[in-house]
Structures are given as structure tokens and as C-alpha cells.
């Protein structure tokens, strides 16, 4: 059985979410994946669709997806905080 990284990611990001200041919110609101990371995720997604992922690639793709989901939530919360505080991008 594979290690479930989700609780660890949640634990690592929780303090940032609890202490979301406008300065930290701005960092998350501006966050984007690098072109290289996007390309890697696309490659892994294509291989997954073709049923050709190795177990290591599957774990890598799942970790990417999990982290991107969590960071996307922080990004949305950050954008909301910035709008509410009048500091929207």
C-alpha cells in the first residue's frame, strides 16, 4: 500500500492558512506552476490516459495533483482575503 501523503501536505500547509496575512495571501494569489512542471504533469496525464504509467510515475502524478489541489484552495482563499481587504490584484 502506498504512503498517503495527503495528511502530511495538509499539516504542512495548515499554519500558512491559519496565518494568512495580506502579504502571504499575495504570494499565493500570484502562484502558478512553472512551465516545466506543467509540461511534466501533462506528460504524466497523457501516459495515465494511455494506461502506460509506471508505479513511480503514478505516485508522482498523484502527489502533483494533491499538492496543486491544496495550493489552489489556498490561492482562492488568498484572492478572497485580498478582495475583502481592498488589496485585490
Protein backbone atom coordinates (compact mmCIF):
# COMPACT_ATOMS: atom_id res chain seq x y z
CA UNK A 1 0.00 0.00 0.00
CA UNK A 2 1.34 3.44 -0.96
CA UNK A 3 2.10 6.09 1.63
CA UNK A 4 -0.78 8.59 1.94
CA UNK A 5 0.89 11.96 1.64
CA UNK A 6 -2.36 13.97 1.98
CA UNK A 7 -2.29 14.31 5.79
CA UNK A 8 1.34 15.46 5.65
CA UNK A 9 0.58 18.08 2.99
CA UNK A 10 -2.40 19.31 5.00
CA UNK A 11 -0.29 19.54 8.15
CA UNK A 12 2.45 21.48 6.36
CA UNK A 13 0.05 23.97 4.78
CA UNK A 14 -2.27 24.46 7.78
CA UNK A 15 -0.10 27.04 9.58
CA UNK A 16 0.11 29.14 6.44
CA UNK A 17 -3.65 29.07 6.04
CA UNK A 18 -4.24 29.99 9.69
CA UNK A 19 -1.88 32.97 9.49
CA UNK A 20 -2.90 34.22 6.07
CA UNK A 21 -1.83 37.86 6.05
CA UNK A 22 -2.22 40.12 3.02
CA UNK A 23 1.50 39.67 2.27
CA UNK A 24 1.30 35.87 2.33
CA UNK A 25 -2.04 36.00 0.52
CA UNK A 26 -0.41 37.98 -2.29
CA UNK A 27 2.20 35.23 -2.72
CA UNK A 28 -0.47 32.55 -3.01
CA UNK A 29 -2.71 34.69 -5.24
CA UNK A 30 0.19 35.12 -7.67
CA UNK A 31 1.23 31.45 -7.52
CA UNK A 32 1.46 29.50 -10.77
CA UNK A 33 3.18 26.30 -11.83
CA UNK A 34 6.38 26.65 -13.79
CA UNK A 35 6.15 25.75 -17.49
CA UNK A 36 8.43 22.77 -16.82
CA UNK A 37 6.15 21.44 -14.09
CA UNK A 38 3.07 21.95 -16.23
CA UNK A 39 4.75 20.06 -19.07
CA UNK A 40 5.68 17.21 -16.73
CA UNK A 41 2.12 17.00 -15.41
CA UNK A 42 0.80 16.99 -18.99
CA UNK A 43 3.20 14.17 -19.91
CA UNK A 44 2.16 12.13 -16.89
CA UNK A 45 -1.51 12.81 -17.60
CA UNK A 46 -1.10 11.63 -21.19
CA UNK A 47 0.64 8.46 -20.04
CA UNK A 48 -2.10 7.88 -17.47
CA UNK A 49 -4.77 8.26 -20.14
CA UNK A 50 -2.90 5.71 -22.27
CA UNK A 51 -2.54 3.34 -19.30
CA UNK A 52 1.26 3.49 -19.51
CA UNK A 53 2.29 4.98 -16.15
CA UNK A 54 4.86 3.18 -14.05
CA UNK A 55 4.10 2.90 -10.35
CA UNK A 56 6.65 5.65 -9.66
CA UNK A 57 5.05 7.94 -12.24
CA UNK A 58 1.62 7.21 -10.80
CA UNK A 59 2.83 8.24 -7.34
CA UNK A 60 4.42 11.37 -8.81
CA UNK A 61 1.21 12.33 -10.63
CA UNK A 62 -0.91 11.74 -7.53
CA UNK A 63 1.44 13.90 -5.45
CA UNK A 64 1.33 16.69 -8.07
CA UNK A 65 -2.47 16.58 -8.14
CA UNK A 66 -2.78 16.60 -4.36
CA UNK A 67 -0.38 19.49 -3.88
CA UNK A 68 -1.96 21.50 -6.70
CA UNK A 69 -5.43 20.96 -5.21
CA UNK A 70 -4.31 22.18 -1.80
CA UNK A 71 -2.39 25.14 -3.19
CA UNK A 72 -5.32 26.07 -5.43
CA UNK A 73 -7.56 26.23 -2.36
CA UNK A 74 -5.04 28.49 -0.62
CA UNK A 75 -4.85 30.61 -3.77
CA UNK A 76 -8.64 31.07 -3.83
CA UNK A 77 -8.76 31.88 -0.12
CA UNK A 78 -5.93 34.36 -0.65
CA UNK A 79 -7.74 36.06 -3.51
CA UNK A 80 -10.87 36.32 -1.36
CA UNK A 81 -8.92 37.81 1.56
CA UNK A 82 -7.28 40.34 -0.74
CA UNK A 83 -10.65 41.35 -2.24
CA UNK A 84 -12.18 41.71 1.22
CA UNK A 85 -9.26 43.80 2.45
CA UNK A 86 -9.28 46.02 -0.65
CA UNK A 87 -5.87 44.72 -1.77
CA UNK A 88 -7.06 42.75 -4.80
CA UNK A 89 -4.62 42.18 -7.64
